[in-house]
Structure formats: structure tokens, C-alpha cells
């Protein structure tokens, strides 16, 4: 375990202990109210739809590239007798 993780956990524990149970309950209520907000819910729905669409597009692109197979080994416009730099010589 990294030292920074342990230090962060210790600092969080100390600050949480100082804040007390009342502050903890206040933070939990605020988080629940925020999570239950219609604005947050609708935004989450929109974001999820966008992520699903991007995932679908990425899957299609990868699938098409895999099924297309290797293209001609020579780049477009290159000649078979061209050297490694594309020059004949």
C-alpha cells in the first residue's frame, strides 16, 4: 500500500472525527438530495445515452477494421520498386 494512500486515509479519518456525527449526517442528506434531484437524474440519463452511443460506434469501427483484413502491403501511390524512403534509386 502506498504511503500517500495511508496518509490520505488518516487525514480523512481525523477530519471526519472532528466534524462529528452531525456533520456526517448533514453531508449524507445533502448527497442524497443531490442524487435524487431531477436535474441530476436527467443529466445522468443523457450522459448514459451518449456513452452507450459512443461505445456502439467504437465497437462498429473496431469490428469493421478487424473484418476488413489487411490491405495491400504497398501504400497508395507507392511503387513496388521504390526504396525505403519512397524514392527509386
C-alpha atoms as a PDB file:
ATOM      1  CA  UNK A   1       0.000   0.000   0.000  1.00  0.00           C
ATOM      2  CA  UNK A   2       1.335   3.422  -0.862  1.00  0.00           C
ATOM      3  CA  UNK A   3       2.242   5.835   1.876  1.00  0.00           C
ATOM      4  CA  UNK A   4       0.221   8.638   0.267  1.00  0.00           C
ATOM      5  CA  UNK A   5      -2.927   6.488   0.410  1.00  0.00           C
ATOM      6  CA  UNK A   6      -2.373   5.800   4.101  1.00  0.00           C
ATOM      7  CA  UNK A   7      -1.738   9.486   4.819  1.00  0.00           C
ATOM      8  CA  UNK A   8      -4.876  10.453   2.911  1.00  0.00           C
ATOM      9  CA  UNK A   9      -6.962   7.921   4.812  1.00  0.00           C
ATOM     10  CA  UNK A  10      -5.557   9.131   8.136  1.00  0.00           C
ATOM     11  CA  UNK A  11      -6.263  12.775   7.307  1.00  0.00           C
ATOM     12  CA  UNK A  12      -9.802  11.892   6.212  1.00  0.00           C
ATOM     13  CA  UNK A  13     -10.383   9.950   9.406  1.00  0.00           C
ATOM     14  CA  UNK A  14      -9.134  12.785  11.632  1.00  0.00           C
ATOM     15  CA  UNK A  15     -11.170  15.422   9.793  1.00  0.00           C
ATOM     16  CA  UNK A  16     -14.233  13.201   9.851  1.00  0.00           C
ATOM     17  CA  UNK A  17     -13.836  12.501  13.557  1.00  0.00           C
ATOM     18  CA  UNK A  18     -13.542  16.214  14.281  1.00  0.00           C
ATOM     19  CA  UNK A  19     -16.613  17.038  12.218  1.00  0.00           C
ATOM     20  CA  UNK A  20     -18.659  14.562  14.208  1.00  0.00           C
ATOM     21  CA  UNK A  21     -21.726  12.524  13.501  1.00  0.00           C
ATOM     22  CA  UNK A  22     -23.981  15.542  12.956  1.00  0.00           C
ATOM     23  CA  UNK A  23     -21.838  16.878  10.116  1.00  0.00           C
ATOM     24  CA  UNK A  24     -21.618  13.379   8.619  1.00  0.00           C
ATOM     25  CA  UNK A  25     -25.424  13.084   8.622  1.00  0.00           C
ATOM     26  CA  UNK A  26     -25.680  16.541   7.049  1.00  0.00           C
ATOM     27  CA  UNK A  27     -23.308  15.530   4.238  1.00  0.00           C
ATOM     28  CA  UNK A  28     -25.232  12.283   3.662  1.00  0.00           C
ATOM     29  CA  UNK A  29     -28.547  14.172   3.455  1.00  0.00           C
ATOM     30  CA  UNK A  30     -27.057  16.650   1.003  1.00  0.00           C
ATOM     31  CA  UNK A  31     -25.646  13.850  -1.167  1.00  0.00           C
ATOM     32  CA  UNK A  32     -28.981  12.000  -1.194  1.00  0.00           C
ATOM     33  CA  UNK A  33     -30.879  15.154  -2.103  1.00  0.00           C
ATOM     34  CA  UNK A  34     -28.427  15.896  -4.879  1.00  0.00           C
ATOM     35  CA  UNK A  35     -28.552  12.349  -6.236  1.00  0.00           C
ATOM     36  CA  UNK A  36     -32.348  12.406  -6.156  1.00  0.00           C
ATOM     37  CA  UNK A  37     -32.581  15.731  -7.954  1.00  0.00           C
ATOM     38  CA  UNK A  38     -34.499  15.647 -11.230  1.00  0.00           C
ATOM     39  CA  UNK A  39     -31.781  17.696 -12.912  1.00  0.00           C
ATOM     40  CA  UNK A  40     -29.085  15.252 -11.832  1.00  0.00           C
ATOM     41  CA  UNK A  41     -31.211  12.271 -12.878  1.00  0.00           C
ATOM     42  CA  UNK A  42     -31.941  13.674 -16.333  1.00  0.00           C
ATOM     43  CA  UNK A  43     -28.304  14.678 -16.853  1.00  0.00           C
ATOM     44  CA  UNK A  44     -27.188  11.191 -15.859  1.00  0.00           C
ATOM     45  CA  UNK A  45     -29.653   9.715 -18.360  1.00  0.00           C
ATOM     46  CA  UNK A  46     -28.365  11.910 -21.168  1.00  0.00           C
ATOM     47  CA  UNK A  47     -24.749  11.090 -20.334  1.00  0.00           C
ATOM     48  CA  UNK A  48     -25.513   7.375 -20.202  1.00  0.00           C
ATOM     49  CA  UNK A  49     -27.158   7.537 -23.634  1.00  0.00           C
ATOM     50  CA  UNK A  50     -24.113   9.350 -25.046  1.00  0.00           C
ATOM     51  CA  UNK A  51     -21.748   6.785 -23.548  1.00  0.00           C
ATOM     52  CA  UNK A  52     -23.834   3.945 -24.989  1.00  0.00           C
ATOM     53  CA  UNK A  53     -23.783   5.577 -28.437  1.00  0.00           C
ATOM     54  CA  UNK A  54     -20.012   6.100 -28.325  1.00  0.00           C
ATOM     55  CA  UNK A  55     -19.483   2.516 -27.190  1.00  0.00           C
ATOM     56  CA  UNK A  56     -21.661   1.270 -30.061  1.00  0.00           C
ATOM     57  CA  UNK A  57     -19.762   3.391 -32.616  1.00  0.00           C
ATOM     58  CA  UNK A  58     -16.380   2.281 -31.276  1.00  0.00           C
ATOM     59  CA  UNK A  59     -17.467  -1.353 -31.419  1.00  0.00           C
ATOM     60  CA  UNK A  60     -18.562  -0.918 -35.044  1.00  0.00           C
ATOM     61  CA  UNK A  61     -15.291   0.779 -36.027  1.00  0.00           C
ATOM     62  CA  UNK A  62     -13.167  -1.924 -34.411  1.00  0.00           C
ATOM     63  CA  UNK A  63     -15.326  -4.686 -35.870  1.00  0.00           C
ATOM     64  CA  UNK A  64     -15.115  -3.192 -39.355  1.00  0.00           C
ATOM     65  CA  UNK A  65     -11.335  -2.848 -39.135  1.00  0.00           C
ATOM     66  CA  UNK A  66     -10.937  -6.420 -37.921  1.00  0.00           C
ATOM     67  CA  UNK A  67     -13.199  -7.865 -40.607  1.00  0.00           C
ATOM     68  CA  UNK A  68     -11.710  -5.760 -43.407  1.00  0.00           C
ATOM     69  CA  UNK A  69      -8.455  -7.686 -43.177  1.00  0.00           C
ATOM     70  CA  UNK A  70      -5.032  -6.419 -44.180  1.00  0.00           C
ATOM     71  CA  UNK A  71      -4.946  -4.013 -47.077  1.00  0.00           C
ATOM     72  CA  UNK A  72      -2.471  -4.120 -49.930  1.00  0.00           C
ATOM     73  CA  UNK A  73       1.024  -4.010 -48.422  1.00  0.00           C
ATOM     74  CA  UNK A  74       2.112  -1.081 -50.597  1.00  0.00           C
ATOM     75  CA  UNK A  75       0.846   2.356 -49.586  1.00  0.00           C
ATOM     76  CA  UNK A  76      -1.364   4.234 -52.024  1.00  0.00           C
ATOM     77  CA  UNK A  77       0.719   5.807 -54.760  1.00  0.00           C
ATOM     78  CA  UNK A  78       3.871   3.896 -53.834  1.00  0.00           C
ATOM     79  CA  UNK A  79       5.728   1.860 -56.381  1.00  0.00           C
ATOM     80  CA  UNK A  80       6.986  -1.637 -55.822  1.00  0.00           C
ATOM     81  CA  UNK A  81      10.490  -0.649 -56.881  1.00  0.00           C
ATOM     82  CA  UNK A  82      10.639   2.372 -54.564  1.00  0.00           C
ATOM     83  CA  UNK A  83      13.228   2.334 -51.776  1.00  0.00           C
ATOM     84  CA  UNK A  84      12.539   2.664 -48.033  1.00  0.00           C
ATOM     85  CA  UNK A  85      12.154   6.430 -48.338  1.00  0.00           C
ATOM     86  CA  UNK A  86       9.788   6.169 -51.279  1.00  0.00           C
ATOM     87  CA  UNK A  87      12.488   7.076 -53.835  1.00  0.00           C
ATOM     88  CA  UNK A  88      13.630   4.996 -56.688  1.00  0.00           C
ATOM     89  CA  UNK A  89      17.259   4.569 -56.793  1.00  0.00           C
END
